[in-house]
Amino acid sequence: MKNISYHFDKEKNILVSTITNVLVIEDIINHYKLIENDESLPRNLKVLIQGKDFMFDIKGPEIKSVSEYVISALSKYNSIKEAIVLEHSYSTAIGYIFEEGNKHKNYLFKVFSSKSSAQNWLNK
């Protein structure tokens, strides 16, 4: 995935996804496919999605279509808890649309404006 890189922070037990440039719908779908297919990750997965000055190139209706990929990834986990750190107003709005449209059993997604707040929430 050209716009997202991943590393697992063993000390914090968090999958860190770092976004660069512009994020399109295919990047989000590939994010959930990667999670679904990576059997090395903890079954109670915590994900921190971060980046500096990245933007979404996604329309509201597109983001709602990602739900089936979230459900598919969830089938391999006990739970997934994702925090995303967003800086731009349009990206934040898209993040809230995603948060509202993807309320599934054992899946939590929340938008944050700072990395420290996101990490604190993941560790609760």
N, C-alpha and C. Protein backbone atom coordinates (compact mmCIF):
# COMPACT_ATOMS: atom_id res chain seq x y z
N MET A 1 0.84 -1.18 0.00
CA MET A 1 0.00 0.00 0.00
C MET A 1 0.88 1.23 0.00
N LYS A 2 0.77 1.99 -1.04
CA LYS A 2 1.68 3.10 -1.25
C LYS A 2 1.50 4.26 -0.27
N ASN A 3 0.31 4.47 0.26
CA ASN A 3 0.07 5.61 1.12
C ASN A 3 0.00 5.28 2.61
N ILE A 4 0.13 4.01 2.95
CA ILE A 4 0.10 3.59 4.35
C ILE A 4 1.26 2.64 4.61
N SER A 5 2.00 2.92 5.69
CA SER A 5 3.03 1.97 6.12
C SER A 5 2.64 1.48 7.52
N TYR A 6 3.11 0.30 7.87
CA TYR A 6 2.73 -0.34 9.12
C TYR A 6 3.95 -0.79 9.90
N HIS A 7 3.84 -0.72 11.22
CA HIS A 7 4.78 -1.43 12.08
C HIS A 7 4.07 -1.74 13.39
N PHE A 8 4.43 -2.88 13.97
CA PHE A 8 3.82 -3.27 15.23
C PHE A 8 4.73 -2.85 16.36
N ASP A 9 4.25 -1.98 17.23
CA ASP A 9 4.98 -1.51 18.39
C ASP A 9 4.78 -2.54 19.51
N LYS A 10 5.75 -3.41 19.68
CA LYS A 10 5.63 -4.49 20.66
C LYS A 10 5.56 -3.97 22.09
N GLU A 11 6.26 -2.88 22.36
CA GLU A 11 6.27 -2.30 23.70
C GLU A 11 4.87 -1.81 24.10
N LYS A 12 4.18 -1.18 23.17
CA LYS A 12 2.84 -0.64 23.45
C LYS A 12 1.73 -1.59 23.03
N ASN A 13 2.09 -2.66 22.31
CA ASN A 13 1.14 -3.64 21.82
C ASN A 13 0.09 -3.00 20.90
N ILE A 14 0.59 -2.12 20.01
CA ILE A 14 -0.28 -1.37 19.10
C ILE A 14 0.27 -1.48 17.67
N LEU A 15 -0.63 -1.72 16.72
CA LEU A 15 -0.27 -1.65 15.31
C LEU A 15 -0.33 -0.17 14.92
N VAL A 16 0.78 0.37 14.46
CA VAL A 16 0.85 1.78 14.07
C VAL A 16 0.80 1.86 12.55
N SER A 17 -0.22 2.54 12.05
CA SER A 17 -0.39 2.76 10.62
C SER A 17 -0.09 4.22 10.35
N THR A 18 0.90 4.47 9.50
CA THR A 18 1.29 5.84 9.19
C THR A 18 0.90 6.16 7.76
N ILE A 19 0.14 7.24 7.62
CA ILE A 19 -0.39 7.65 6.32
C ILE A 19 0.45 8.80 5.78
N THR A 20 0.74 8.74 4.50
CA THR A 20 1.41 9.85 3.82
C THR A 20 0.58 10.22 2.59
N ASN A 21 0.71 11.45 2.18
CA ASN A 21 0.07 11.93 0.96
C ASN A 21 -1.45 11.94 1.07
N VAL A 22 -2.09 11.42 0.05
CA VAL A 22 -3.54 11.44 -0.05
C VAL A 22 -4.07 10.02 0.09
N LEU A 23 -5.04 9.83 0.95
CA LEU A 23 -5.62 8.51 1.19
C LEU A 23 -6.89 8.36 0.36
N VAL A 24 -6.95 7.30 -0.44
CA VAL A 24 -8.13 7.02 -1.26
C VAL A 24 -8.83 5.79 -0.72
N ILE A 25 -10.03 5.53 -1.22
CA ILE A 25 -10.85 4.43 -0.71
C ILE A 25 -10.13 3.09 -0.79
N GLU A 26 -9.36 2.87 -1.84
CA GLU A 26 -8.63 1.61 -1.99
C GLU A 26 -7.62 1.41 -0.86
N ASP A 27 -7.02 2.50 -0.38
CA ASP A 27 -6.08 2.40 0.74
C ASP A 27 -6.79 1.91 2.00
N ILE A 28 -7.99 2.41 2.23
CA ILE A 28 -8.75 2.01 3.42
C ILE A 28 -9.16 0.54 3.31
N ILE A 29 -9.63 0.13 2.16
CA ILE A 29 -10.01 -1.27 1.95
C ILE A 29 -8.79 -2.17 2.14
N ASN A 30 -7.66 -1.79 1.57
CA ASN A 30 -6.44 -2.58 1.73
C ASN A 30 -5.98 -2.64 3.18
N HIS A 31 -6.21 -1.56 3.94
CA HIS A 31 -5.89 -1.54 5.37
C HIS A 31 -6.62 -2.68 6.09
N TYR A 32 -7.91 -2.82 5.82
CA TYR A 32 -8.69 -3.87 6.49
C TYR A 32 -8.36 -5.26 5.96
N LYS A 33 -8.00 -5.36 4.70
CA LYS A 33 -7.56 -6.66 4.17
C LYS A 33 -6.25 -7.08 4.82
N LEU A 34 -5.34 -6.15 5.02
CA LEU A 34 -4.07 -6.46 5.69
C LEU A 34 -4.33 -6.94 7.12
N ILE A 35 -5.17 -6.24 7.83
CA ILE A 35 -5.51 -6.64 9.20
C ILE A 35 -6.13 -8.03 9.21
N GLU A 36 -7.05 -8.26 8.31
CA GLU A 36 -7.74 -9.56 8.26
C GLU A 36 -6.77 -10.71 8.02
N ASN A 37 -5.78 -10.49 7.18
CA ASN A 37 -4.90 -11.58 6.76
C ASN A 37 -3.61 -11.73 7.57
N ASP A 38 -3.35 -10.83 8.50
CA ASP A 38 -2.12 -10.91 9.30
C ASP A 38 -2.38 -11.68 10.59
N GLU A 39 -2.01 -12.93 10.58
CA GLU A 39 -2.27 -13.79 11.74
C GLU A 39 -1.28 -13.59 12.88
N SER A 40 -0.26 -12.76 12.66
CA SER A 40 0.73 -12.50 13.72
C SER A 40 0.27 -11.44 14.71
N LEU A 41 -0.79 -10.72 14.39
CA LEU A 41 -1.26 -9.63 15.25
C LEU A 41 -2.09 -10.18 16.41
N PRO A 42 -2.11 -9.47 17.55
CA PRO A 42 -2.93 -9.92 18.69
C PRO A 42 -4.40 -9.99 18.31
N ARG A 43 -5.12 -10.93 18.89
CA ARG A 43 -6.54 -11.11 18.57
C ARG A 43 -7.41 -10.02 19.17
N ASN A 44 -6.92 -9.28 20.14
CA ASN A 44 -7.56 -8.06 20.62
C ASN A 44 -6.67 -6.93 20.13
N LEU A 45 -6.93 -6.51 18.91
CA LEU A 45 -6.03 -5.61 18.20
C LEU A 45 -6.32 -4.14 18.50
N LYS A 46 -5.25 -3.40 18.77
CA LYS A 46 -5.31 -1.95 18.91
C LYS A 46 -4.53 -1.35 17.75
N VAL A 47 -5.13 -0.35 17.09
CA VAL A 47 -4.51 0.27 15.92
C VAL A 47 -4.49 1.79 16.11
N LEU A 48 -3.31 2.37 15.90
CA LEU A 48 -3.16 3.83 15.89
C LEU A 48 -2.90 4.24 14.45
N ILE A 49 -3.80 5.04 13.89
CA ILE A 49 -3.65 5.53 12.53
C ILE A 49 -3.23 6.99 12.62
N GLN A 50 -2.09 7.31 12.04
CA GLN A 50 -1.54 8.65 12.17
C GLN A 50 -0.87 9.09 10.88
N GLY A 51 -0.55 10.34 10.81
CA GLY A 51 0.16 10.89 9.67
C GLY A 51 0.24 12.39 9.83
N LYS A 52 1.10 13.01 9.08
CA LYS A 52 1.22 14.46 9.16
C LYS A 52 0.75 15.05 7.85
N ASP A 53 -0.21 15.93 7.94
CA ASP A 53 -0.73 16.66 6.79
C ASP A 53 -1.28 15.78 5.67
N PHE A 54 -1.75 14.57 5.98
CA PHE A 54 -2.38 13.76 4.94
C PHE A 54 -3.83 14.20 4.78
N MET A 55 -4.38 13.89 3.64
CA MET A 55 -5.77 14.24 3.34
C MET A 55 -6.50 13.02 2.78
N PHE A 56 -7.80 12.99 3.02
CA PHE A 56 -8.65 11.98 2.40
C PHE A 56 -9.12 12.49 1.04
N ASP A 57 -9.09 11.63 0.03
CA ASP A 57 -9.72 11.92 -1.25
C ASP A 57 -10.86 10.92 -1.38
N ILE A 58 -11.86 11.11 -0.53
CA ILE A 58 -12.95 10.16 -0.38
C ILE A 58 -14.23 10.96 -0.19
N LYS A 59 -15.31 10.46 -0.74
CA LYS A 59 -16.63 11.06 -0.55
C LYS A 59 -17.35 10.29 0.56
N GLY A 60 -18.24 10.96 1.26
CA GLY A 60 -18.99 10.33 2.36
C GLY A 60 -19.61 9.00 2.02
N PRO A 61 -20.34 8.89 0.90
CA PRO A 61 -20.96 7.60 0.56
C PRO A 61 -19.94 6.47 0.34
N GLU A 62 -18.74 6.80 -0.15
CA GLU A 62 -17.72 5.77 -0.35
C GLU A 62 -17.29 5.16 0.96
N ILE A 63 -17.14 5.99 1.97
CA ILE A 63 -16.61 5.53 3.26
C ILE A 63 -17.58 4.54 3.91
N LYS A 64 -18.87 4.73 3.69
CA LYS A 64 -19.85 3.81 4.26
C LYS A 64 -19.73 2.41 3.64
N SER A 65 -19.23 2.33 2.42
CA SER A 65 -19.09 1.03 1.77
C SER A 65 -17.96 0.19 2.36
N VAL A 66 -17.14 0.76 3.19
CA VAL A 66 -16.01 0.05 3.79
C VAL A 66 -16.49 -0.91 4.89
N SER A 67 -17.70 -0.73 5.34
CA SER A 67 -18.22 -1.54 6.44
C SER A 67 -18.05 -3.04 6.23
N GLU A 68 -18.27 -3.53 5.02
CA GLU A 68 -18.14 -4.97 4.77
C GLU A 68 -16.70 -5.45 5.00
N TYR A 69 -15.72 -4.60 4.75
CA TYR A 69 -14.32 -4.97 4.98
C TYR A 69 -14.00 -4.96 6.47
N VAL A 70 -14.61 -4.04 7.20
CA VAL A 70 -14.45 -4.02 8.66
C VAL A 70 -15.01 -5.31 9.24
N ILE A 71 -16.20 -5.70 8.81
CA ILE A 71 -16.84 -6.92 9.31
C ILE A 71 -15.99 -8.14 8.98
N SER A 72 -15.45 -8.19 7.78
CA SER A 72 -14.61 -9.31 7.37
C SER A 72 -13.36 -9.41 8.25
N ALA A 73 -12.70 -8.27 8.49
CA ALA A 73 -11.52 -8.27 9.35
C ALA A 73 -11.89 -8.68 10.77
N LEU A 74 -13.02 -8.21 11.25
CA LEU A 74 -13.47 -8.55 12.61
C LEU A 74 -13.66 -10.05 12.80
N SER A 75 -13.99 -10.75 11.73
CA SER A 75 -14.24 -12.19 11.85
C SER A 75 -13.01 -12.95 12.32
N LYS A 76 -11.83 -12.36 12.18
CA LYS A 76 -10.59 -13.02 12.58
C LYS A 76 -10.09 -12.57 13.96
N TYR A 77 -10.81 -11.66 14.62
CA TYR A 77 -10.36 -11.07 15.88
C TYR A 77 -11.44 -11.15 16.94
N ASN A 78 -10.99 -11.10 18.19
CA ASN A 78 -11.93 -10.96 19.29
C ASN A 78 -12.47 -9.53 19.32
N SER A 79 -11.56 -8.57 19.06
CA SER A 79 -11.95 -7.16 19.01
C SER A 79 -10.90 -6.37 18.25
N ILE A 80 -11.35 -5.26 17.68
CA ILE A 80 -10.46 -4.29 17.04
C ILE A 80 -10.84 -2.92 17.57
N LYS A 81 -9.83 -2.20 18.02
CA LYS A 81 -10.01 -0.84 18.54
C LYS A 81 -9.06 0.06 17.77
N GLU A 82 -9.61 1.01 16.99
CA GLU A 82 -8.79 1.88 16.16
C GLU A 82 -8.97 3.34 16.56
N ALA A 83 -7.85 4.03 16.66
CA ALA A 83 -7.85 5.48 16.91
C ALA A 83 -7.16 6.14 15.72
N ILE A 84 -7.76 7.19 15.19
CA ILE A 84 -7.16 7.92 14.08
C ILE A 84 -6.93 9.37 14.50
N VAL A 85 -5.76 9.88 14.20
CA VAL A 85 -5.40 11.25 14.52
C VAL A 85 -5.54 12.07 13.24
N LEU A 86 -6.44 13.06 13.27
CA LEU A 86 -6.72 13.88 12.10
C LEU A 86 -6.52 15.36 12.41
N GLU A 87 -6.01 16.08 11.41
CA GLU A 87 -5.72 17.50 11.61
C GLU A 87 -6.59 18.43 10.77
N HIS A 88 -7.04 17.98 9.61
CA HIS A 88 -7.77 18.84 8.69
C HIS A 88 -9.28 18.65 8.86
N SER A 89 -10.04 19.73 8.69
CA SER A 89 -11.48 19.69 8.93
C SER A 89 -12.21 18.70 8.02
N TYR A 90 -11.86 18.66 6.72
CA TYR A 90 -12.53 17.71 5.83
C TYR A 90 -12.23 16.28 6.24
N SER A 91 -10.96 15.99 6.54
CA SER A 91 -10.58 14.64 6.97
C SER A 91 -11.27 14.27 8.27
N THR A 92 -11.38 15.22 9.17
CA THR A 92 -12.07 14.96 10.45
C THR A 92 -13.54 14.63 10.20
N ALA A 93 -14.18 15.37 9.30
CA ALA A 93 -15.58 15.08 8.98
C ALA A 93 -15.73 13.68 8.40
N ILE A 94 -14.83 13.30 7.49
CA ILE A 94 -14.87 11.94 6.92
C ILE A 94 -14.65 10.91 8.03
N GLY A 95 -13.74 11.20 8.95
CA GLY A 95 -13.50 10.29 10.08
C GLY A 95 -14.75 10.08 10.92
N TYR A 96 -15.49 11.15 11.17
CA TYR A 96 -16.73 11.03 11.95
C TYR A 96 -17.81 10.28 11.18
N ILE A 97 -17.87 10.45 9.87
CA ILE A 97 -18.82 9.67 9.06
C ILE A 97 -18.47 8.19 9.16
N PHE A 98 -17.18 7.87 9.09
CA PHE A 98 -16.75 6.48 9.23
C PHE A 98 -17.10 5.95 10.61
N GLU A 99 -16.82 6.74 11.64
CA GLU A 99 -17.12 6.33 13.02
C GLU A 99 -18.60 6.01 13.19
N GLU A 100 -19.46 6.87 12.67
CA GLU A 100 -20.90 6.67 12.81
C GLU A 100 -21.41 5.50 11.98
N GLY A 101 -20.83 5.27 10.83
CA GLY A 101 -21.30 4.23 9.93
C GLY A 101 -20.74 2.85 10.19
N ASN A 102 -19.82 2.74 11.13
CA ASN A 102 -19.17 1.45 11.38
C ASN A 102 -19.21 1.09 12.86
N LYS A 103 -20.40 0.94 13.34
CA LYS A 103 -20.58 0.50 14.72
C LYS A 103 -20.95 -0.97 14.68
N HIS A 104 -19.97 -1.79 14.96
CA HIS A 104 -20.14 -3.23 14.91
C HIS A 104 -19.77 -3.83 16.28
N LYS A 105 -20.29 -4.99 16.53
CA LYS A 105 -19.94 -5.71 17.75
C LYS A 105 -18.42 -5.91 17.77
N ASN A 106 -17.79 -5.60 18.87
CA ASN A 106 -16.35 -5.80 19.08
C ASN A 106 -15.47 -4.90 18.22
N TYR A 107 -16.03 -3.79 17.71
CA TYR A 107 -15.23 -2.85 16.92
C TYR A 107 -15.47 -1.44 17.43
N LEU A 108 -14.38 -0.77 17.77
CA LEU A 108 -14.43 0.62 18.21
C LEU A 108 -13.51 1.44 17.32
N PHE A 109 -14.00 2.59 16.89
CA PHE A 109 -13.23 3.51 16.06
C PHE A 109 -13.52 4.91 16.58
N LYS A 110 -12.45 5.68 16.78
CA LYS A 110 -12.64 7.02 17.33
C LYS A 110 -11.65 7.99 16.70
N VAL A 111 -12.10 9.21 16.47
CA VAL A 111 -11.31 10.28 15.87
C VAL A 111 -10.69 11.13 16.98
N PHE A 112 -9.40 11.48 16.81
CA PHE A 112 -8.69 12.31 17.77
C PHE A 112 -7.92 13.41 17.06
N SER A 113 -7.60 14.46 17.80
CA SER A 113 -6.80 15.55 17.24
C SER A 113 -5.35 15.49 17.72
N SER A 114 -5.05 14.58 18.67
CA SER A 114 -3.67 14.44 19.13
C SER A 114 -3.31 12.97 19.32
N LYS A 115 -2.05 12.67 19.09
CA LYS A 115 -1.55 11.31 19.23
C LYS A 115 -1.64 10.83 20.68
N SER A 116 -1.33 11.70 21.62
CA SER A 116 -1.35 11.29 23.03
C SER A 116 -2.77 10.93 23.47
N SER A 117 -3.77 11.69 23.04
CA SER A 117 -5.16 11.36 23.39
C SER A 117 -5.56 10.02 22.77
N ALA A 118 -5.15 9.80 21.54
CA ALA A 118 -5.47 8.54 20.86
C ALA A 118 -4.84 7.35 21.59
N GLN A 119 -3.57 7.48 21.96
CA GLN A 119 -2.88 6.39 22.67
C GLN A 119 -3.51 6.14 24.04
N ASN A 120 -3.88 7.20 24.74
CA ASN A 120 -4.53 7.01 26.04
C ASN A 120 -5.83 6.24 25.90
N TRP A 121 -6.62 6.57 24.89
CA TRP A 121 -7.88 5.88 24.67
C TRP A 121 -7.64 4.41 24.30
N LEU A 122 -6.66 4.14 23.46
CA LEU A 122 -6.35 2.76 23.07
C LEU A 122 -5.96 1.92 24.28
N ASN A 123 -5.31 2.53 25.25
CA ASN A 123 -4.81 1.78 26.41
C ASN A 123 -5.80 1.71 27.56
N LYS A 124 -7.00 2.22 27.39
CA LYS A 124 -8.03 2.10 28.46
C LYS A 124 -8.57 0.70 28.51
